[in-house]
Amino acid sequence: MNRWKGKVAVVTGASSGIGAATAKALVKAGLVVVGLARRVERVDALKGELDKEIRHRLNAIKCDISKEDDILNTFKLIEVKFGGVDVLINNAGVLRRSLLLETGNIAQLREVIDTNVMGLVMCSQQAYTSMKNRAVDGHIVHINSILGHHLIDYPGLSIYPASKFAVTAITETMRQELRKEGTKIKVTSISPGVVRTEMTPEDIAKIAPALEAEDIANAIVYVLGTPPRVQIHELIIKPVGENF
């Protein structure tokens, strides 16, 4: 991780769960972290969980990644204030329980796609542009899901698995585009099983073994710490005993 010390990492959805754990882990690893979230006060509160000598490396910016203008304005601010993006952790995501074929839920479906797919793509576009313009061999990490690789028979997941299948395809598309552009920018998909966070439905958390957010943050640190010649394309992480 030495090559990332002092570099700028942007973490979306940094107010809780995997995003919060990742923001803290990257600060501890020596990076300057910009945590994006709608609940920006919760990112600021994370500073109290860090040692005094390093907490200044955690910065918070309010951003709703389902909104294009928010993303564009935020990444412009990051460019001005921090000099650009070296690492992007696309963590922000939403799950809205419903049935896919029921009517009256179109706004919820759009929210999931706008956040989990379009927000991820738009943040990646901005980060890639920053890396390319500065000739930085950066790293883009997508927080995917096992639901991005196979479906489980569980009611109410609706369009969420489709949004994660999209992330799986997007990761490969980005890898191919980055290769054709002749860059050494890496892209990685990390696909956890059930993780104990605010987003995990209570009925699932009660019956299924679960990972902790820190487990995924540690995986992100591991992926970032690989040598420049190594690209971990997909990392699937399941809790012991998971039955799907």
C-alpha atoms as a PDB file:
ATOM      1  CA  MET A   1       0.000   0.000   0.000  1.00  0.00           C
ATOM      2  CA  ASN A   2       3.004   2.322   0.165  1.00  0.00           C
ATOM      3  CA  ARG A   3       2.413   3.644  -3.344  1.00  0.00           C
ATOM      4  CA  TRP A   4      -0.993   4.947  -2.286  1.00  0.00           C
ATOM      5  CA  LYS A   5       0.186   6.960   0.715  1.00  0.00           C
ATOM      6  CA  GLY A   6      -0.883  10.570   0.315  1.00  0.00           C
ATOM      7  CA  LYS A   7      -3.006   9.706  -2.724  1.00  0.00           C
ATOM      8  CA  VAL A   8      -6.692  10.606  -2.974  1.00  0.00           C
ATOM      9  CA  ALA A   9      -9.400   7.970  -2.618  1.00  0.00           C
ATOM     10  CA  VAL A  10     -13.069   8.762  -3.202  1.00  0.00           C
ATOM     11  CA  VAL A  11     -15.550   6.503  -1.413  1.00  0.00           C
ATOM     12  CA  THR A  12     -19.228   6.766  -2.335  1.00  0.00           C
ATOM     13  CA  GLY A  13     -21.878   5.911   0.215  1.00  0.00           C
ATOM     14  CA  ALA A  14     -19.400   6.582   2.997  1.00  0.00           C
ATOM     15  CA  SER A  15     -21.917   7.369   5.745  1.00  0.00           C
ATOM     16  CA  SER A  16     -22.438   3.807   6.978  1.00  0.00           C
ATOM     17  CA  GLY A  17     -21.735   0.120   6.452  1.00  0.00           C
ATOM     18  CA  ILE A  18     -19.080  -0.895   3.958  1.00  0.00           C
ATOM     19  CA  GLY A  19     -18.474   2.689   2.878  1.00  0.00           C
ATOM     20  CA  ALA A  20     -17.780   3.927   6.404  1.00  0.00           C
ATOM     21  CA  ALA A  21     -15.538   0.954   7.188  1.00  0.00           C
ATOM     22  CA  THR A  22     -13.654   1.478   3.931  1.00  0.00           C
ATOM     23  CA  ALA A  23     -13.169   5.199   4.492  1.00  0.00           C
ATOM     24  CA  LYS A  24     -11.605   4.505   7.895  1.00  0.00           C
ATOM     25  CA  ALA A  25      -9.445   1.666   6.581  1.00  0.00           C
ATOM     26  CA  LEU A  26      -8.041   3.762   3.746  1.00  0.00           C
ATOM     27  CA  VAL A  27      -7.260   6.670   6.063  1.00  0.00           C
ATOM     28  CA  LYS A  28      -5.379   4.249   8.313  1.00  0.00           C
ATOM     29  CA  ALA A  29      -3.513   2.990   5.232  1.00  0.00           C
ATOM     30  CA  GLY A  30      -2.234   6.508   4.547  1.00  0.00           C
ATOM     31  CA  LEU A  31      -4.621   7.799   1.885  1.00  0.00           C
ATOM     32  CA  VAL A  32      -6.485  11.076   1.808  1.00  0.00           C
ATOM     33  CA  VAL A  33     -10.126  10.009   1.711  1.00  0.00           C
ATOM     34  CA  VAL A  34     -13.080  11.952   0.345  1.00  0.00           C
ATOM     35  CA  GLY A  35     -16.279  10.366   1.604  1.00  0.00           C
ATOM     36  CA  LEU A  36     -19.382  11.098  -0.452  1.00  0.00           C
ATOM     37  CA  ALA A  37     -22.842  10.692   1.058  1.00  0.00           C
ATOM     38  CA  ARG A  38     -26.243  12.267   1.299  1.00  0.00           C
ATOM     39  CA  ARG A  39     -25.941  12.102   5.111  1.00  0.00           C
ATOM     40  CA  VAL A  40     -22.672  13.978   5.089  1.00  0.00           C
ATOM     41  CA  GLU A  41     -22.766  14.663   8.832  1.00  0.00           C
ATOM     42  CA  ARG A  42     -22.306  10.944   9.444  1.00  0.00           C
ATOM     43  CA  VAL A  43     -19.079  10.945   7.439  1.00  0.00           C
ATOM     44  CA  ASP A  44     -17.802  13.858   9.514  1.00  0.00           C
ATOM     45  CA  ALA A  45     -18.692  11.912  12.654  1.00  0.00           C
ATOM     46  CA  LEU A  46     -16.376   9.088  11.576  1.00  0.00           C
ATOM     47  CA  LYS A  47     -13.403  11.322  12.351  1.00  0.00           C
ATOM     48  CA  GLY A  48     -14.078  10.715  16.028  1.00  0.00           C
ATOM     49  CA  GLU A  49     -13.335   7.019  15.459  1.00  0.00           C
ATOM     50  CA  LEU A  50      -9.860   7.781  14.077  1.00  0.00           C
ATOM     51  CA  ASP A  51      -6.664   8.704  15.894  1.00  0.00           C
ATOM     52  CA  LYS A  52      -6.167  12.455  16.191  1.00  0.00           C
ATOM     53  CA  GLU A  53      -3.034  12.494  14.073  1.00  0.00           C
ATOM     54  CA  ILE A  54      -4.756  10.989  11.030  1.00  0.00           C
ATOM     55  CA  ARG A  55      -8.378  12.141  11.205  1.00  0.00           C
ATOM     56  CA  HIS A  56      -7.605  15.241   9.119  1.00  0.00           C
ATOM     57  CA  ARG A  57      -7.178  12.902   6.142  1.00  0.00           C
ATOM     58  CA  LEU A  58     -10.908  12.125   6.126  1.00  0.00           C
ATOM     59  CA  ASN A  59     -13.018  14.659   4.252  1.00  0.00           C
ATOM     60  CA  ALA A  60     -16.764  14.709   3.657  1.00  0.00           C
ATOM     61  CA  ILE A  61     -18.724  16.056   0.703  1.00  0.00           C
ATOM     62  CA  LYS A  62     -22.487  15.892   0.335  1.00  0.00           C
ATOM     63  CA  CYS A  63     -23.406  14.109  -2.875  1.00  0.00           C
ATOM     64  CA  ASP A  64     -26.365  12.116  -4.153  1.00  0.00           C
ATOM     65  CA  ILE A  65     -24.880   9.854  -6.801  1.00  0.00           C
ATOM     66  CA  SER A  66     -28.262   9.198  -8.372  1.00  0.00           C
ATOM     67  CA  LYS A  67     -28.103  12.807  -9.634  1.00  0.00           C
ATOM     68  CA  GLU A  68     -25.782  13.723 -12.491  1.00  0.00           C
ATOM     69  CA  ASP A  69     -25.369  17.374 -11.479  1.00  0.00           C
ATOM     70  CA  ASP A  70     -24.341  16.350  -7.963  1.00  0.00           C
ATOM     71  CA  ILE A  71     -21.679  14.040  -9.365  1.00  0.00           C
ATOM     72  CA  LEU A  72     -20.288  16.564 -11.841  1.00  0.00           C
ATOM     73  CA  ASN A  73     -20.124  19.358  -9.271  1.00  0.00           C
ATOM     74  CA  THR A  74     -18.591  17.089  -6.634  1.00  0.00           C
ATOM     75  CA  PHE A  75     -15.801  15.792  -8.846  1.00  0.00           C
ATOM     76  CA  LYS A  76     -15.013  19.347  -9.990  1.00  0.00           C
ATOM     77  CA  LEU A  77     -14.666  20.309  -6.329  1.00  0.00           C
ATOM     78  CA  ILE A  78     -12.422  17.303  -5.679  1.00  0.00           C
ATOM     79  CA  GLU A  79     -10.225  18.302  -8.605  1.00  0.00           C
ATOM     80  CA  VAL A  80      -9.855  21.849  -7.260  1.00  0.00           C
ATOM     81  CA  LYS A  81      -9.472  21.006  -3.580  1.00  0.00           C
ATOM     82  CA  PHE A  82      -7.526  17.739  -3.698  1.00  0.00           C
ATOM     83  CA  GLY A  83      -5.938  17.700  -7.149  1.00  0.00           C
ATOM     84  CA  GLY A  84      -7.860  14.754  -8.560  1.00  0.00           C
ATOM     85  CA  VAL A  85      -8.817  11.136  -7.943  1.00  0.00           C
ATOM     86  CA  ASP A  86      -6.351   8.248  -7.665  1.00  0.00           C
ATOM     87  CA  VAL A  87      -8.689   5.588  -6.254  1.00  0.00           C
ATOM     88  CA  LEU A  88     -12.465   5.318  -6.585  1.00  0.00           C
ATOM     89  CA  ILE A  89     -14.538   2.979  -4.428  1.00  0.00           C
ATOM     90  CA  ASN A  90     -18.024   2.723  -5.942  1.00  0.00           C
ATOM     91  CA  ASN A  91     -19.835   1.562  -2.841  1.00  0.00           C
ATOM     92  CA  ALA A  92     -23.114   3.508  -2.776  1.00  0.00           C
ATOM     93  CA  GLY A  93     -26.150   1.389  -3.466  1.00  0.00           C
ATOM     94  CA  VAL A  94     -29.809   0.973  -2.583  1.00  0.00           C
ATOM     95  CA  LEU A  95     -32.211  -1.953  -2.287  1.00  0.00           C
ATOM     96  CA  ARG A  96     -35.942  -1.291  -2.404  1.00  0.00           C
ATOM     97  CA  ARG A  97     -38.096  -4.292  -1.524  1.00  0.00           C
ATOM     98  CA  SER A  98     -40.971  -4.900  -3.934  1.00  0.00           C
ATOM     99  CA  LEU A  99     -42.129  -7.354  -6.561  1.00  0.00           C
ATOM    100  CA  LEU A 100     -40.816  -6.676 -10.038  1.00  0.00           C
ATOM    101  CA  LEU A 101     -44.186  -7.278 -11.711  1.00  0.00           C
ATOM    102  CA  GLU A 102     -46.320  -5.243  -9.353  1.00  0.00           C
ATOM    103  CA  THR A 103     -47.487  -1.848 -10.512  1.00  0.00           C
ATOM    104  CA  GLY A 104     -46.890   1.475  -8.815  1.00  0.00           C
ATOM    105  CA  ASN A 105     -43.202   0.931  -8.030  1.00  0.00           C
ATOM    106  CA  ILE A 106     -41.553   2.569 -11.028  1.00  0.00           C
ATOM    107  CA  ALA A 107     -40.014   5.357  -8.935  1.00  0.00           C
ATOM    108  CA  GLN A 108     -38.364   2.747  -6.701  1.00  0.00           C
ATOM    109  CA  LEU A 109     -37.060   0.798  -9.703  1.00  0.00           C
ATOM    110  CA  ARG A 110     -35.582   3.961 -11.201  1.00  0.00           C
ATOM    111  CA  GLU A 111     -33.939   4.859  -7.889  1.00  0.00           C
ATOM    112  CA  VAL A 112     -32.171   1.487  -7.782  1.00  0.00           C
ATOM    113  CA  ILE A 113     -30.945   1.716 -11.373  1.00  0.00           C
ATOM    114  CA  ASP A 114     -29.980   5.390 -11.096  1.00  0.00           C
ATOM    115  CA  THR A 115     -27.923   4.705  -7.968  1.00  0.00           C
ATOM    116  CA  ASN A 116     -26.515   1.207  -8.467  1.00  0.00           C
ATOM    117  CA  VAL A 117     -25.830   1.443 -12.190  1.00  0.00           C
ATOM    118  CA  MET A 118     -25.875   4.989 -13.560  1.00  0.00           C
ATOM    119  CA  GLY A 119     -24.303   6.551 -10.472  1.00  0.00           C
ATOM    120  CA  LEU A 120     -21.524   3.976 -10.541  1.00  0.00           C
ATOM    121  CA  VAL A 121     -20.880   4.618 -14.232  1.00  0.00           C
ATOM    122  CA  MET A 122     -20.915   8.406 -13.924  1.00  0.00           C
ATOM    123  CA  CYS A 123     -18.532   8.390 -10.948  1.00  0.00           C
ATOM    124  CA  SER A 124     -16.243   6.043 -12.864  1.00  0.00           C
ATOM    125  CA  GLN A 125     -16.275   8.362 -15.882  1.00  0.00           C
ATOM    126  CA  GLN A 126     -15.223  11.318 -13.745  1.00  0.00           C
ATOM    127  CA  ALA A 127     -12.547   9.359 -11.897  1.00  0.00           C
ATOM    128  CA  TYR A 128     -11.158   7.896 -15.125  1.00  0.00           C
ATOM    129  CA  THR A 129     -10.942  11.345 -16.702  1.00  0.00           C
ATOM    130  CA  SER A 130      -9.030  12.627 -13.674  1.00  0.00           C
ATOM    131  CA  MET A 131      -6.637   9.669 -13.760  1.00  0.00           C
ATOM    132  CA  LYS A 132      -6.069   9.885 -17.501  1.00  0.00           C
ATOM    133  CA  ASN A 133      -5.485  13.646 -17.531  1.00  0.00           C
ATOM    134  CA  ARG A 134      -2.813  13.276 -14.846  1.00  0.00           C
ATOM    135  CA  ALA A 135      -1.322  10.032 -16.248  1.00  0.00           C
ATOM    136  CA  VAL A 136      -2.136   8.222 -12.992  1.00  0.00           C
ATOM    137  CA  ASP A 137      -2.277   4.419 -12.855  1.00  0.00           C
ATOM    138  CA  GLY A 138      -5.287   4.486 -10.583  1.00  0.00           C
ATOM    139  CA  HIS A 139      -7.776   1.887  -9.410  1.00  0.00           C
ATOM    140  CA  ILE A 140     -11.572   1.718  -9.628  1.00  0.00           C
ATOM    141  CA  VAL A 141     -13.330  -0.709  -7.303  1.00  0.00           C
ATOM    142  CA  HIS A 142     -17.010  -1.622  -7.638  1.00  0.00           C
ATOM    143  CA  ILE A 143     -18.833  -3.064  -4.648  1.00  0.00           C
ATOM    144  CA  ASN A 144     -20.934  -5.668  -6.395  1.00  0.00           C
ATOM    145  CA  SER A 145     -22.814  -8.626  -4.845  1.00  0.00           C
ATOM    146  CA  ILE A 146     -23.147 -12.368  -5.194  1.00  0.00           C
ATOM    147  CA  LEU A 147     -26.534 -11.393  -6.646  1.00  0.00           C
ATOM    148  CA  GLY A 148     -24.576 -10.002  -9.572  1.00  0.00           C
ATOM    149  CA  HIS A 149     -23.605 -13.564 -10.500  1.00  0.00           C
ATOM    150  CA  HIS A 150     -26.612 -15.750  -9.701  1.00  0.00           C
ATOM    151  CA  LEU A 151     -30.164 -15.298  -8.493  1.00  0.00           C
ATOM    152  CA  ILE A 152     -31.586 -16.635  -5.261  1.00  0.00           C
ATOM    153  CA  ASP A 153     -35.228 -17.508  -4.710  1.00  0.00           C
ATOM    154  CA  TYR A 154     -36.020 -14.753  -2.269  1.00  0.00           C
ATOM    155  CA  PRO A 155     -39.090 -12.500  -2.610  1.00  0.00           C
ATOM    156  CA  GLY A 156     -38.879  -8.757  -2.880  1.00  0.00           C
ATOM    157  CA  LEU A 157     -35.415  -8.292  -4.365  1.00  0.00           C
ATOM    158  CA  SER A 158     -37.075  -6.928  -7.488  1.00  0.00           C
ATOM    159  CA  ILE A 159     -34.654  -5.144  -9.815  1.00  0.00           C
ATOM    160  CA  TYR A 160     -31.726  -5.188  -7.377  1.00  0.00           C
ATOM    161  CA  PRO A 161     -30.119  -8.379  -8.780  1.00  0.00           C
ATOM    162  CA  ALA A 162     -30.404  -6.962 -12.304  1.00  0.00           C
ATOM    163  CA  SER A 163     -28.568  -3.842 -11.160  1.00  0.00           C
ATOM    164  CA  LYS A 164     -25.749  -6.012  -9.792  1.00  0.00           C
ATOM    165  CA  PHE A 165     -25.615  -8.218 -12.906  1.00  0.00           C
ATOM    166  CA  ALA A 166     -25.106  -4.909 -14.717  1.00  0.00           C
ATOM    167  CA  VAL A 167     -22.134  -4.130 -12.474  1.00  0.00           C
ATOM    168  CA  THR A 168     -20.571  -7.475 -13.404  1.00  0.00           C
ATOM    169  CA  ALA A 169     -20.880  -6.656 -17.108  1.00  0.00           C
ATOM    170  CA  ILE A 170     -19.773  -3.053 -16.597  1.00  0.00           C
ATOM    171  CA  THR A 171     -16.600  -4.208 -14.843  1.00  0.00           C
ATOM    172  CA  GLU A 172     -15.554  -6.304 -17.836  1.00  0.00           C
ATOM    173  CA  THR A 173     -16.519  -3.552 -20.273  1.00  0.00           C
ATOM    174  CA  MET A 174     -14.362  -1.084 -18.342  1.00  0.00           C
ATOM    175  CA  ARG A 175     -11.445  -3.524 -18.232  1.00  0.00           C
ATOM    176  CA  GLN A 176     -11.576  -3.905 -21.995  1.00  0.00           C
ATOM    177  CA  GLU A 177     -11.854  -0.137 -22.576  1.00  0.00           C
ATOM    178  CA  LEU A 178      -8.972   0.604 -20.194  1.00  0.00           C
ATOM    179  CA  ARG A 179      -6.840  -2.017 -21.967  1.00  0.00           C
ATOM    180  CA  LYS A 180      -7.617  -0.626 -25.412  1.00  0.00           C
ATOM    181  CA  GLU A 181      -6.747   2.881 -24.227  1.00  0.00           C
ATOM    182  CA  GLY A 182      -3.317   1.599 -23.224  1.00  0.00           C
ATOM    183  CA  THR A 183      -3.710   2.601 -19.589  1.00  0.00           C
ATOM    184  CA  LYS A 184      -2.620   0.649 -16.539  1.00  0.00           C
ATOM    185  CA  ILE A 185      -5.657   1.733 -14.562  1.00  0.00           C
ATOM    186  CA  LYS A 186      -7.190  -1.249 -12.778  1.00  0.00           C
ATOM    187  CA  VAL A 187     -10.846  -2.089 -12.274  1.00  0.00           C
ATOM    188  CA  THR A 188     -12.086  -4.632  -9.753  1.00  0.00           C
ATOM    189  CA  SER A 189     -15.478  -6.019  -8.770  1.00  0.00           C
ATOM    190  CA  ILE A 190     -15.869  -7.188  -5.169  1.00  0.00           C
ATOM    191  CA  SER A 191     -18.961  -9.343  -4.628  1.00  0.00           C
ATOM    192  CA  PRO A 192     -19.910 -10.019  -1.005  1.00  0.00           C
ATOM    193  CA  GLY A 193     -22.546 -12.379   0.265  1.00  0.00           C
ATOM    194  CA  VAL A 194     -24.716 -11.149   3.113  1.00  0.00           C
ATOM    195  CA  VAL A 195     -23.061  -8.296   5.006  1.00  0.00           C
ATOM    196  CA  ARG A 196     -24.431  -7.003   8.295  1.00  0.00           C
ATOM    197  CA  THR A 197     -25.262  -3.373   7.412  1.00  0.00           C
ATOM    198  CA  GLU A 198     -28.207  -0.990   7.607  1.00  0.00           C
ATOM    199  CA  MET A 199     -29.205  -1.962   4.065  1.00  0.00           C
ATOM    200  CA  THR A 200     -29.498  -5.685   4.787  1.00  0.00           C
ATOM    201  CA  PRO A 201     -33.157  -6.664   5.274  1.00  0.00           C
ATOM    202  CA  GLU A 202     -33.772  -7.760   8.867  1.00  0.00           C
ATOM    203  CA  ASP A 203     -35.411 -11.039   7.844  1.00  0.00           C
ATOM    204  CA  ILE A 204     -32.307 -12.028   5.851  1.00  0.00           C
ATOM    205  CA  ALA A 205     -29.894 -10.954   8.584  1.00  0.00           C
ATOM    206  CA  LYS A 206     -31.757 -13.113  11.128  1.00  0.00           C
ATOM    207  CA  ILE A 207     -31.516 -16.370   9.188  1.00  0.00           C
ATOM    208  CA  ALA A 208     -28.278 -16.125   7.199  1.00  0.00           C
ATOM    209  CA  PRO A 209     -24.622 -16.085   8.242  1.00  0.00           C
ATOM    210  CA  ALA A 210     -23.230 -12.623   7.649  1.00  0.00           C
ATOM    211  CA  LEU A 211     -19.977 -10.831   7.000  1.00  0.00           C
ATOM    212  CA  GLU A 212     -19.046  -7.594   8.739  1.00  0.00           C
ATOM    213  CA  ALA A 213     -18.437  -4.357   6.849  1.00  0.00           C
ATOM    214  CA  GLU A 214     -14.812  -4.458   8.000  1.00  0.00           C
ATOM    215  CA  ASP A 215     -14.332  -7.755   6.134  1.00  0.00           C
ATOM    216  CA  ILE A 216     -15.094  -6.014   2.848  1.00  0.00           C
ATOM    217  CA  ALA A 217     -12.969  -2.996   3.748  1.00  0.00           C
ATOM    218  CA  ASN A 218     -10.046  -5.352   4.395  1.00  0.00           C
ATOM    219  CA  ALA A 219     -10.631  -6.959   1.004  1.00  0.00           C
ATOM    220  CA  ILE A 220     -10.498  -3.551  -0.649  1.00  0.00           C
ATOM    221  CA  VAL A 221      -7.178  -2.793   1.042  1.00  0.00           C
ATOM    222  CA  TYR A 222      -5.869  -6.172  -0.151  1.00  0.00           C
ATOM    223  CA  VAL A 223      -6.959  -5.522  -3.740  1.00  0.00           C
ATOM    224  CA  LEU A 224      -5.383  -2.054  -3.758  1.00  0.00           C
ATOM    225  CA  GLY A 225      -2.173  -3.470  -2.317  1.00  0.00           C
ATOM    226  CA  THR A 226      -1.493  -5.885  -5.160  1.00  0.00           C
ATOM    227  CA  PRO A 227       1.557  -5.173  -7.390  1.00  0.00           C
ATOM    228  CA  PRO A 228       1.011  -3.023 -10.512  1.00  0.00           C
ATOM    229  CA  ARG A 229       1.201  -6.152 -12.695  1.00  0.00           C
ATOM    230  CA  VAL A 230      -1.691  -7.828 -10.829  1.00  0.00           C
ATOM    231  CA  GLN A 231      -5.339  -7.069 -11.499  1.00  0.00           C
ATOM    232  CA  ILE A 232      -7.941  -8.837  -9.391  1.00  0.00           C
ATOM    233  CA  HIS A 233     -10.896  -8.739 -11.714  1.00  0.00           C
ATOM    234  CA  GLU A 234     -13.489 -10.361  -9.465  1.00  0.00           C
ATOM    235  CA  LEU A 235     -13.387 -11.219  -5.766  1.00  0.00           C
ATOM    236  CA  ILE A 236     -16.315 -13.136  -4.281  1.00  0.00           C
ATOM    237  CA  ILE A 237     -16.523 -13.189  -0.479  1.00  0.00           C
ATOM    238  CA  LYS A 238     -19.040 -15.345   1.358  1.00  0.00           C
ATOM    239  CA  PRO A 239     -19.577 -15.866   5.061  1.00  0.00           C
ATOM    240  CA  VAL A 240     -18.853 -19.405   6.212  1.00  0.00           C
ATOM    241  CA  GLY A 241     -22.027 -21.460   6.061  1.00  0.00           C
ATOM    242  CA  GLU A 242     -23.880 -19.354   3.485  1.00  0.00           C
ATOM    243  CA  ASN A 243     -26.351 -21.611   1.686  1.00  0.00           C
ATOM    244  CA  PHE A 244     -26.863 -19.714  -1.547  1.00  0.00           C
END
